[in-house]
C-alpha atoms as a PDB file:
ATOM      1  CA  UNK A   1      70.129 115.501 112.875  1.00  0.00           C
ATOM      2  CA  UNK A   2      72.393 114.242 110.099  1.00  0.00           C
ATOM      3  CA  UNK A   3      71.416 115.321 106.595  1.00  0.00           C
ATOM      4  CA  UNK A   4      72.463 112.650 104.096  1.00  0.00           C
ATOM      5  CA  UNK A   5      72.212 115.140 101.216  1.00  0.00           C
ATOM      6  CA  UNK A   6      74.852 117.371 102.804  1.00  0.00           C
ATOM      7  CA  UNK A   7      77.135 114.403 103.360  1.00  0.00           C
ATOM      8  CA  UNK A   8      76.798 113.252  99.751  1.00  0.00           C
ATOM      9  CA  UNK A   9      77.455 116.766  98.430  1.00  0.00           C
ATOM     10  CA  UNK A  10      80.651 117.098 100.442  1.00  0.00           C
ATOM     11  CA  UNK A  11      81.662 113.533  99.551  1.00  0.00           C
ATOM     12  CA  UNK A  12      81.245 114.255  95.843  1.00  0.00           C
ATOM     13  CA  UNK A  13      83.492 117.310  96.092  1.00  0.00           C
ATOM     14  CA  UNK A  14      86.141 115.407  98.061  1.00  0.00           C
ATOM     15  CA  UNK A  15      86.093 112.551  95.569  1.00  0.00           C
ATOM     16  CA  UNK A  16      86.556 114.882  92.597  1.00  0.00           C
ATOM     17  CA  UNK A  17      89.342 116.782  94.369  1.00  0.00           C
ATOM     18  CA  UNK A  18      91.142 113.536  95.236  1.00  0.00           C
ATOM     19  CA  UNK A  19      90.956 112.247  91.672  1.00  0.00           C
ATOM     20  CA  UNK A  20      92.586 115.475  90.481  1.00  0.00           C
ATOM     21  CA  UNK A  21      95.316 115.384  93.137  1.00  0.00           C
ATOM     22  CA  UNK A  22      98.650 114.512  91.524  1.00  0.00           C
ATOM     23  CA  UNK A  23      99.912 112.633  94.600  1.00  0.00           C
ATOM     24  CA  UNK A  24      96.789 110.534  94.659  1.00  0.00           C
ATOM     25  CA  UNK A  25      97.240 109.766  90.960  1.00  0.00           C
ATOM     26  CA  UNK A  26     100.863 108.740  91.647  1.00  0.00           C
ATOM     27  CA  UNK A  27      99.721 106.456  94.474  1.00  0.00           C
ATOM     28  CA  UNK A  28      97.103 104.907  92.199  1.00  0.00           C
ATOM     29  CA  UNK A  29      99.481 104.281  89.309  1.00  0.00           C
ATOM     30  CA  UNK A  30     102.180 102.904  91.613  1.00  0.00           C
ATOM     31  CA  UNK A  31      99.848 100.492  93.387  1.00  0.00           C
ATOM     32  CA  UNK A  32      98.217  99.336  90.150  1.00  0.00           C
ATOM     33  CA  UNK A  33     101.615  98.808  88.517  1.00  0.00           C
ATOM     34  CA  UNK A  34     103.013  96.856  91.448  1.00  0.00           C
ATOM     35  CA  UNK A  35      99.883  94.722  91.753  1.00  0.00           C
ATOM     36  CA  UNK A  36      99.992  93.899  88.047  1.00  0.00           C
ATOM     37  CA  UNK A  37     103.697  93.118  88.227  1.00  0.00           C
ATOM     38  CA  UNK A  38     103.178  90.742  91.145  1.00  0.00           C
ATOM     39  CA  UNK A  39     100.489  88.899  89.201  1.00  0.00           C
ATOM     40  CA  UNK A  40     103.112  87.732  86.682  1.00  0.00           C
ATOM     41  CA  UNK A  41     106.164  85.564  87.188  1.00  0.00           C
ATOM     42  CA  UNK A  42     109.125  85.407  84.774  1.00  0.00           C
ATOM     43  CA  UNK A  43     110.030  81.974  83.458  1.00  0.00           C
ATOM     44  CA  UNK A  44     113.623  80.831  84.035  1.00  0.00           C
ATOM     45  CA  UNK A  45     114.371  81.494  80.393  1.00  0.00           C
ATOM     46  CA  UNK A  46     113.111  85.052  80.756  1.00  0.00           C
ATOM     47  CA  UNK A  47     111.495  85.042  77.324  1.00  0.00           C
ATOM     48  CA  UNK A  48     107.887  85.362  78.362  1.00  0.00           C
ATOM     49  CA  UNK A  49     105.598  85.877  81.370  1.00  0.00           C
ATOM     50  CA  UNK A  50     103.454  83.258  82.968  1.00  0.00           C
ATOM     51  CA  UNK A  51     100.578  84.321  85.178  1.00  0.00           C
ATOM     52  CA  UNK A  52     100.614  82.777  88.642  1.00  0.00           C
ATOM     53  CA  UNK A  53      97.669  81.194  90.392  1.00  0.00           C
ATOM     54  CA  UNK A  54      95.311  83.347  92.430  1.00  0.00           C
ATOM     55  CA  UNK A  55      96.569  81.894  95.708  1.00  0.00           C
ATOM     56  CA  UNK A  56     100.185  82.631  94.888  1.00  0.00           C
ATOM     57  CA  UNK A  57      99.363  86.133  93.703  1.00  0.00           C
ATOM     58  CA  UNK A  58      97.246  86.764  96.792  1.00  0.00           C
ATOM     59  CA  UNK A  59     100.157  85.767  99.023  1.00  0.00           C
ATOM     60  CA  UNK A  60     102.425  88.205  97.166  1.00  0.00           C
ATOM     61  CA  UNK A  61      99.885  91.022  97.325  1.00  0.00           C
ATOM     62  CA  UNK A  62      99.436  90.669 101.092  1.00  0.00           C
ATOM     63  CA  UNK A  63     102.878  92.167 101.731  1.00  0.00           C
ATOM     64  CA  UNK A  64     102.230  94.933  99.190  1.00  0.00           C
ATOM     65  CA  UNK A  65      98.989  95.818 100.956  1.00  0.00           C
ATOM     66  CA  UNK A  66     100.645  95.785 104.389  1.00  0.00           C
ATOM     67  CA  UNK A  67     103.183  98.399 103.294  1.00  0.00           C
ATOM     68  CA  UNK A  68     101.252 100.450 100.760  1.00  0.00           C
ATOM     69  CA  UNK A  69      97.635 100.687 101.933  1.00  0.00           C
ATOM     70  CA  UNK A  70      98.279 101.890 105.519  1.00  0.00           C
ATOM     71  CA  UNK A  71     100.610 104.611 104.236  1.00  0.00           C
ATOM     72  CA  UNK A  72      98.085 105.881 101.697  1.00  0.00           C
ATOM     73  CA  UNK A  73      95.129 105.743 104.087  1.00  0.00           C
ATOM     74  CA  UNK A  74      96.939 107.436 106.963  1.00  0.00           C
ATOM     75  CA  UNK A  75      98.493 110.242 104.930  1.00  0.00           C
ATOM     76  CA  UNK A  76      95.367 111.016 102.903  1.00  0.00           C
ATOM     77  CA  UNK A  77      93.256 111.151 106.038  1.00  0.00           C
ATOM     78  CA  UNK A  78      95.782 113.169 108.035  1.00  0.00           C
ATOM     79  CA  UNK A  79      96.279 115.788 105.325  1.00  0.00           C
ATOM     80  CA  UNK A  80      92.590 116.285 104.591  1.00  0.00           C
ATOM     81  CA  UNK A  81      91.056 118.203 107.475  1.00  0.00           C
ATOM     82  CA  UNK A  82      94.341 119.753 108.609  1.00  0.00           C
ATOM     83  CA  UNK A  83      94.986 121.024 105.081  1.00  0.00           C
ATOM     84  CA  UNK A  84      91.529 122.575 104.825  1.00  0.00           C
ATOM     85  CA  UNK A  85      92.089 124.276 108.159  1.00  0.00           C
ATOM     86  CA  UNK A  86      95.291 125.926 106.908  1.00  0.00           C
ATOM     87  CA  UNK A  87      93.888 127.004 103.531  1.00  0.00           C
ATOM     88  CA  UNK A  88      90.688 128.430 105.034  1.00  0.00           C
ATOM     89  CA  UNK A  89      88.413 125.947 103.268  1.00  0.00           C
ATOM     90  CA  UNK A  90      87.300 124.619 106.637  1.00  0.00           C
ATOM     91  CA  UNK A  91      86.126 128.081 107.689  1.00  0.00           C
ATOM     92  CA  UNK A  92      84.046 128.271 104.514  1.00  0.00           C
ATOM     93  CA  UNK A  93      82.465 124.878 105.186  1.00  0.00           C
ATOM     94  CA  UNK A  94      81.669 125.782 108.786  1.00  0.00           C
ATOM     95  CA  UNK A  95      79.875 128.904 107.570  1.00  0.00           C
ATOM     96  CA  UNK A  96      77.481 126.781 105.501  1.00  0.00           C
ATOM     97  CA  UNK A  97      74.225 125.266 106.853  1.00  0.00           C
ATOM     98  CA  UNK A  98      75.951 121.969 107.704  1.00  0.00           C
ATOM     99  CA  UNK A  99      77.058 120.592 111.044  1.00  0.00           C
ATOM    100  CA  UNK A 100      80.507 119.302 111.889  1.00  0.00           C
ATOM    101  CA  UNK A 101      79.522 115.640 111.813  1.00  0.00           C
ATOM    102  CA  UNK A 102      78.199 116.054 108.266  1.00  0.00           C
ATOM    103  CA  UNK A 103      81.440 117.765 107.206  1.00  0.00           C
ATOM    104  CA  UNK A 104      83.656 115.042 108.594  1.00  0.00           C
ATOM    105  CA  UNK A 105      81.461 112.174 107.379  1.00  0.00           C
ATOM    106  CA  UNK A 106      81.240 113.745 103.929  1.00  0.00           C
ATOM    107  CA  UNK A 107      84.997 114.141 103.719  1.00  0.00           C
ATOM    108  CA  UNK A 108      85.517 110.612 104.978  1.00  0.00           C
ATOM    109  CA  UNK A 109      83.033 109.191 102.462  1.00  0.00           C
ATOM    110  CA  UNK A 110      84.678 111.050  99.578  1.00  0.00           C
ATOM    111  CA  UNK A 111      88.188 109.977 100.510  1.00  0.00           C
ATOM    112  CA  UNK A 112      86.956 106.419 101.078  1.00  0.00           C
ATOM    113  CA  UNK A 113      85.560 106.327  97.553  1.00  0.00           C
ATOM    114  CA  UNK A 114      88.852 107.544  96.103  1.00  0.00           C
ATOM    115  CA  UNK A 115      90.915 105.119  98.177  1.00  0.00           C
ATOM    116  CA  UNK A 116      88.754 102.123  97.337  1.00  0.00           C
ATOM    117  CA  UNK A 117      88.904 103.092  93.658  1.00  0.00           C
ATOM    118  CA  UNK A 118      92.701 102.886  93.845  1.00  0.00           C
ATOM    119  CA  UNK A 119      92.571  99.416  95.385  1.00  0.00           C
ATOM    120  CA  UNK A 120      89.916  98.257  92.934  1.00  0.00           C
ATOM    121  CA  UNK A 121      92.034  99.343  89.968  1.00  0.00           C
ATOM    122  CA  UNK A 122      95.153  97.618  91.270  1.00  0.00           C
ATOM    123  CA  UNK A 123      93.503  94.375  92.294  1.00  0.00           C
ATOM    124  CA  UNK A 124      91.265  94.488  89.239  1.00  0.00           C
ATOM    125  CA  UNK A 125      94.149  94.671  86.787  1.00  0.00           C
ATOM    126  CA  UNK A 126      95.915  91.798  88.532  1.00  0.00           C
ATOM    127  CA  UNK A 127      92.709  89.754  88.652  1.00  0.00           C
ATOM    128  CA  UNK A 128      91.922  90.299  84.972  1.00  0.00           C
ATOM    129  CA  UNK A 129      95.461  89.295  84.021  1.00  0.00           C
ATOM    130  CA  UNK A 130      95.044  86.077  85.971  1.00  0.00           C
ATOM    131  CA  UNK A 131      91.565  85.364  84.620  1.00  0.00           C
ATOM    132  CA  UNK A 132      92.785  85.718  81.030  1.00  0.00           C
ATOM    133  CA  UNK A 133      95.207  82.882  81.737  1.00  0.00           C
ATOM    134  CA  UNK A 134      92.453  80.601  83.015  1.00  0.00           C
ATOM    135  CA  UNK A 135      93.386  80.744  86.697  1.00  0.00           C
ATOM    136  CA  UNK A 136      89.950  81.591  88.047  1.00  0.00           C
ATOM    137  CA  UNK A 137      89.526  78.408  90.063  1.00  0.00           C
ATOM    138  CA  UNK A 138      91.004  80.067  93.178  1.00  0.00           C
ATOM    139  CA  UNK A 139      89.316  83.421  92.753  1.00  0.00           C
ATOM    140  CA  UNK A 140      87.326  83.191  95.999  1.00  0.00           C
ATOM    141  CA  UNK A 141      90.321  83.720  98.262  1.00  0.00           C
ATOM    142  CA  UNK A 142      91.582  86.506  96.029  1.00  0.00           C
ATOM    143  CA  UNK A 143      88.274  88.400  96.108  1.00  0.00           C
ATOM    144  CA  UNK A 144      87.980  87.978  99.870  1.00  0.00           C
ATOM    145  CA  UNK A 145      91.477  89.390 100.320  1.00  0.00           C
ATOM    146  CA  UNK A 146      90.432  92.419  98.270  1.00  0.00           C
ATOM    147  CA  UNK A 147      87.561  93.067 100.682  1.00  0.00           C
ATOM    148  CA  UNK A 148      89.951  92.653 103.617  1.00  0.00           C
ATOM    149  CA  UNK A 149      92.213  95.250 101.983  1.00  0.00           C
ATOM    150  CA  UNK A 150      89.193  97.558 101.719  1.00  0.00           C
ATOM    151  CA  UNK A 151      88.562  97.149 105.460  1.00  0.00           C
ATOM    152  CA  UNK A 152      92.215  97.826 106.303  1.00  0.00           C
ATOM    153  CA  UNK A 153      92.230 100.918 104.077  1.00  0.00           C
ATOM    154  CA  UNK A 154      89.132 102.325 105.787  1.00  0.00           C
ATOM    155  CA  UNK A 155      90.627 101.611 109.223  1.00  0.00           C
ATOM    156  CA  UNK A 156      93.798 103.496 108.314  1.00  0.00           C
ATOM    157  CA  UNK A 157      91.763 106.349 106.839  1.00  0.00           C
ATOM    158  CA  UNK A 158      89.836 106.591 110.125  1.00  0.00           C
ATOM    159  CA  UNK A 159      93.104 106.815 112.045  1.00  0.00           C
ATOM    160  CA  UNK A 160      94.321 109.454 109.604  1.00  0.00           C
ATOM    161  CA  UNK A 161      91.206 111.576 110.123  1.00  0.00           C
ATOM    162  CA  UNK A 162      91.585 111.268 113.890  1.00  0.00           C
ATOM    163  CA  UNK A 163      95.154 112.516 113.591  1.00  0.00           C
ATOM    164  CA  UNK A 164      93.979 115.332 111.327  1.00  0.00           C
ATOM    165  CA  UNK A 165      91.454 116.454 113.965  1.00  0.00           C
ATOM    166  CA  UNK A 166      93.972 116.306 116.803  1.00  0.00           C
ATOM    167  CA  UNK A 167      96.850 118.066 115.001  1.00  0.00           C
ATOM    168  CA  UNK A 168      96.802 121.821 114.409  1.00  0.00           C
ATOM    169  CA  UNK A 169      98.936 121.844 111.259  1.00  0.00           C
ATOM    170  CA  UNK A 170      99.291 119.650 108.189  1.00  0.00           C
ATOM    171  CA  UNK A 171     102.949 118.922 108.914  1.00  0.00           C
ATOM    172  CA  UNK A 172     102.114 117.770 112.433  1.00  0.00           C
ATOM    173  CA  UNK A 173      99.245 115.614 111.182  1.00  0.00           C
ATOM    174  CA  UNK A 174     101.417 113.996 108.508  1.00  0.00           C
ATOM    175  CA  UNK A 175     104.236 113.474 110.996  1.00  0.00           C
ATOM    176  CA  UNK A 176     101.858 111.732 113.383  1.00  0.00           C
ATOM    177  CA  UNK A 177     100.455 109.620 110.557  1.00  0.00           C
ATOM    178  CA  UNK A 178     103.936 108.512 109.479  1.00  0.00           C
ATOM    179  CA  UNK A 179     104.804 107.620 113.064  1.00  0.00           C
ATOM    180  CA  UNK A 180     101.666 105.479 113.333  1.00  0.00           C
ATOM    181  CA  UNK A 181     102.540 103.803 110.030  1.00  0.00           C
ATOM    182  CA  UNK A 182     106.090 103.022 111.164  1.00  0.00           C
ATOM    183  CA  UNK A 183     104.829 101.755 114.500  1.00  0.00           C
ATOM    184  CA  UNK A 184     102.205  99.454 112.992  1.00  0.00           C
ATOM    185  CA  UNK A 185     104.368  98.158 110.129  1.00  0.00           C
ATOM    186  CA  UNK A 186     107.762  97.795 111.792  1.00  0.00           C
ATOM    187  CA  UNK A 187     107.638  98.213 115.560  1.00  0.00           C
ATOM    188  CA  UNK A 188     104.300  96.476 115.905  1.00  0.00           C
ATOM    189  CA  UNK A 189     105.593  93.353 114.128  1.00  0.00           C
ATOM    190  CA  UNK A 190     109.326  93.205 114.782  1.00  0.00           C
ATOM    191  CA  UNK A 191     108.933  94.716 118.248  1.00  0.00           C
ATOM    192  CA  UNK A 192     106.574  91.938 119.335  1.00  0.00           C
ATOM    193  CA  UNK A 193     108.976  89.315 118.034  1.00  0.00           C
ATOM    194  CA  UNK A 194     111.927  90.919 119.826  1.00  0.00           C
ATOM    195  CA  UNK A 195     110.009  91.327 123.065  1.00  0.00           C
ATOM    196  CA  UNK A 196     108.789  87.736 122.886  1.00  0.00           C
ATOM    197  CA  UNK A 197     112.348  86.458 122.560  1.00  0.00           C
ATOM    198  CA  UNK A 198     113.763  88.740 125.264  1.00  0.00           C
ATOM    199  CA  UNK A 199     111.013  88.124 127.848  1.00  0.00           C
ATOM    200  CA  UNK A 200     110.121  84.556 126.863  1.00  0.00           C
ATOM    201  CA  UNK A 201     106.539  85.668 126.308  1.00  0.00           C
ATOM    202  CA  UNK A 202     103.975  82.877 126.123  1.00  0.00           C
ATOM    203  CA  UNK A 203     102.429  81.907 122.801  1.00  0.00           C
ATOM    204  CA  UNK A 204      99.031  83.123 123.973  1.00  0.00           C
ATOM    205  CA  UNK A 205     100.402  86.553 124.866  1.00  0.00           C
ATOM    206  CA  UNK A 206     102.270  86.842 121.565  1.00  0.00           C
ATOM    207  CA  UNK A 207      99.116  86.053 119.617  1.00  0.00           C
ATOM    208  CA  UNK A 208      96.787  88.379 121.503  1.00  0.00           C
ATOM    209  CA  UNK A 209      99.367  91.193 121.366  1.00  0.00           C
ATOM    210  CA  UNK A 210      99.772  90.721 117.622  1.00  0.00           C
ATOM    211  CA  UNK A 211      96.058  90.845 116.825  1.00  0.00           C
ATOM    212  CA  UNK A 212      95.708  94.209 118.552  1.00  0.00           C
ATOM    213  CA  UNK A 213      97.431  95.530 115.423  1.00  0.00           C
ATOM    214  CA  UNK A 214      94.965  95.993 112.503  1.00  0.00           C
ATOM    215  CA  UNK A 215      97.724  95.101 110.044  1.00  0.00           C
ATOM    216  CA  UNK A 216      98.187  91.744 111.748  1.00  0.00           C
ATOM    217  CA  UNK A 217      94.415  91.217 111.724  1.00  0.00           C
ATOM    218  CA  UNK A 218      94.449  91.733 107.962  1.00  0.00           C
ATOM    219  CA  UNK A 219      97.466  89.457 107.524  1.00  0.00           C
ATOM    220  CA  UNK A 220      96.010  86.573 109.539  1.00  0.00           C
ATOM    221  CA  UNK A 221      92.580  86.888 107.914  1.00  0.00           C
ATOM    222  CA  UNK A 222      94.160  86.969 104.447  1.00  0.00           C
ATOM    223  CA  UNK A 223      96.177  83.838 105.138  1.00  0.00           C
ATOM    224  CA  UNK A 224      93.017  82.102 106.325  1.00  0.00           C
ATOM    225  CA  UNK A 225      91.313  83.099 103.087  1.00  0.00           C
ATOM    226  CA  UNK A 226      93.849  81.229 100.955  1.00  0.00           C
ATOM    227  CA  UNK A 227      94.548  78.251 103.227  1.00  0.00           C
ATOM    228  CA  UNK A 228      92.690  76.474 105.999  1.00  0.00           C
ATOM    229  CA  UNK A 229      95.264  76.918 108.769  1.00  0.00           C
ATOM    230  CA  UNK A 230      97.944  79.279 110.039  1.00  0.00           C
ATOM    231  CA  UNK A 231     100.931  76.918 110.066  1.00  0.00           C
ATOM    232  CA  UNK A 232     102.959  79.517 108.178  1.00  0.00           C
ATOM    233  CA  UNK A 233     102.808  81.755 111.283  1.00  0.00           C
ATOM    234  CA  UNK A 234     104.453  79.131 113.467  1.00  0.00           C
ATOM    235  CA  UNK A 235     103.381  78.248 117.034  1.00  0.00           C
ATOM    236  CA  UNK A 236     101.227  81.371 117.410  1.00  0.00           C
ATOM    237  CA  UNK A 237      99.305  80.449 114.255  1.00  0.00           C
ATOM    238  CA  UNK A 238      98.783  76.880 115.404  1.00  0.00           C
ATOM    239  CA  UNK A 239      97.592  78.171 118.783  1.00  0.00           C
ATOM    240  CA  UNK A 240      95.072  80.477 117.099  1.00  0.00           C
ATOM    241  CA  UNK A 241      93.736  77.688 114.891  1.00  0.00           C
ATOM    242  CA  UNK A 242      93.400  75.244 117.796  1.00  0.00           C
ATOM    243  CA  UNK A 243      91.802  77.720 120.188  1.00  0.00           C
ATOM    244  CA  UNK A 244      89.360  79.520 117.914  1.00  0.00           C
ATOM    245  CA  UNK A 245      88.861  77.245 114.907  1.00  0.00           C
ATOM    246  CA  UNK A 246      86.161  78.584 112.595  1.00  0.00           C
ATOM    247  CA  UNK A 247      85.446  81.549 114.888  1.00  0.00           C
ATOM    248  CA  UNK A 248      88.840  83.135 114.265  1.00  0.00           C
ATOM    249  CA  UNK A 249      87.978  84.711 110.915  1.00  0.00           C
ATOM    250  CA  UNK A 250      84.687  86.313 112.105  1.00  0.00           C
ATOM    251  CA  UNK A 251      86.502  87.679 115.171  1.00  0.00           C
ATOM    252  CA  UNK A 252      89.188  89.222 112.964  1.00  0.00           C
ATOM    253  CA  UNK A 253      86.534  90.815 110.745  1.00  0.00           C
ATOM    254  CA  UNK A 254      84.829  92.306 113.806  1.00  0.00           C
ATOM    255  CA  UNK A 255      88.213  93.602 114.959  1.00  0.00           C
ATOM    256  CA  UNK A 256      88.835  95.362 111.645  1.00  0.00           C
ATOM    257  CA  UNK A 257      85.336  96.847 111.798  1.00  0.00           C
ATOM    258  CA  UNK A 258      86.071  98.247 115.251  1.00  0.00           C
ATOM    259  CA  UNK A 259      89.284  99.817 113.921  1.00  0.00           C
ATOM    260  CA  UNK A 260      87.120 101.615 111.351  1.00  0.00           C
ATOM    261  CA  UNK A 261      84.346 102.738 113.683  1.00  0.00           C
ATOM    262  CA  UNK A 262      86.188 103.697 116.876  1.00  0.00           C
ATOM    263  CA  UNK A 263      88.781 106.143 115.430  1.00  0.00           C
ATOM    264  CA  UNK A 264      86.149 107.679 113.136  1.00  0.00           C
ATOM    265  CA  UNK A 265      83.734 108.107 116.049  1.00  0.00           C
ATOM    266  CA  UNK A 266      86.533 109.672 118.084  1.00  0.00           C
ATOM    267  CA  UNK A 267      87.333 112.063 115.248  1.00  0.00           C
ATOM    268  CA  UNK A 268      83.675 113.117 114.949  1.00  0.00           C
ATOM    269  CA  UNK A 269      83.383 113.650 118.714  1.00  0.00           C
ATOM    270  CA  UNK A 270      86.563 115.730 118.962  1.00  0.00           C
ATOM    271  CA  UNK A 271      85.783 117.733 115.829  1.00  0.00           C
ATOM    272  CA  UNK A 272      82.306 118.568 117.102  1.00  0.00           C
ATOM    273  CA  UNK A 273      83.801 119.993 120.307  1.00  0.00           C
ATOM    274  CA  UNK A 274      86.568 122.077 118.728  1.00  0.00           C
ATOM    275  CA  UNK A 275      84.955 125.475 118.450  1.00  0.00           C
ATOM    276  CA  UNK A 276      88.207 127.323 117.756  1.00  0.00           C
ATOM    277  CA  UNK A 277      88.703 126.256 114.124  1.00  0.00           C
ATOM    278  CA  UNK A 278      86.710 129.050 112.565  1.00  0.00           C
ATOM    279  CA  UNK A 279      88.359 131.679 114.725  1.00  0.00           C
ATOM    280  CA  UNK A 280      91.825 130.420 113.879  1.00  0.00           C
ATOM    281  CA  UNK A 281      90.969 130.405 110.204  1.00  0.00           C
ATOM    282  CA  UNK A 282      90.091 134.126 110.327  1.00  0.00           C
ATOM    283  CA  UNK A 283      93.181 135.215 112.237  1.00  0.00           C
END
């Protein structure tokens, strides 16, 4: 049985530890600063700032999220359990009257809270800056993109925790997380384009290959949130709009949810079967 009290206790500790972690603070300040900067555009004269519309800011923030959020989620998740294993904190937790699922869920909940707080601060500052300039008429798409960023962050955190369970050392876990980030951000996007050109891949295949990537799911869903079609994505976007219509966005949301649940479930299953952690911690 899962004890919610144990999960909340561990989550509270993880949240407080994350908020006192200097690297996490740096990530938070950097993301908030970049988000706020993207919410303002310099006039040609350069004498003052003019706040852009929500739609234009949302489009700018999509690329920031695609680069920044996966890196934060993957590295924070990968370093968590592997780091506790090396410091001996995991041995201490395993000696307490809690099971492994409660430990991992508690850690995941705590890190999720810290990660979502970072995104909320960044998007919140940008949103307030826009609202003060009277640009709230397009706020719906902006808010929906924030929730999509939350989903992407949780998906990357799940992948990070899975890597942390699989790897034996923090360096290996972080190395695996960085490889996944590079693959999803660069190879997953540019590689599909290159392969499509080289093999004359059909539009259908290009689209379905692209949406296997959670980053592309976020990107397509975000574009749909600020405009009614995917013309900006070219033939693949037009194909998606024609084939799926109004069902495309719900399908993308389900896909992001699966990217959260499946890696996290895999991490819990593997962690529950790894009986050697406590012995390694004592050696």
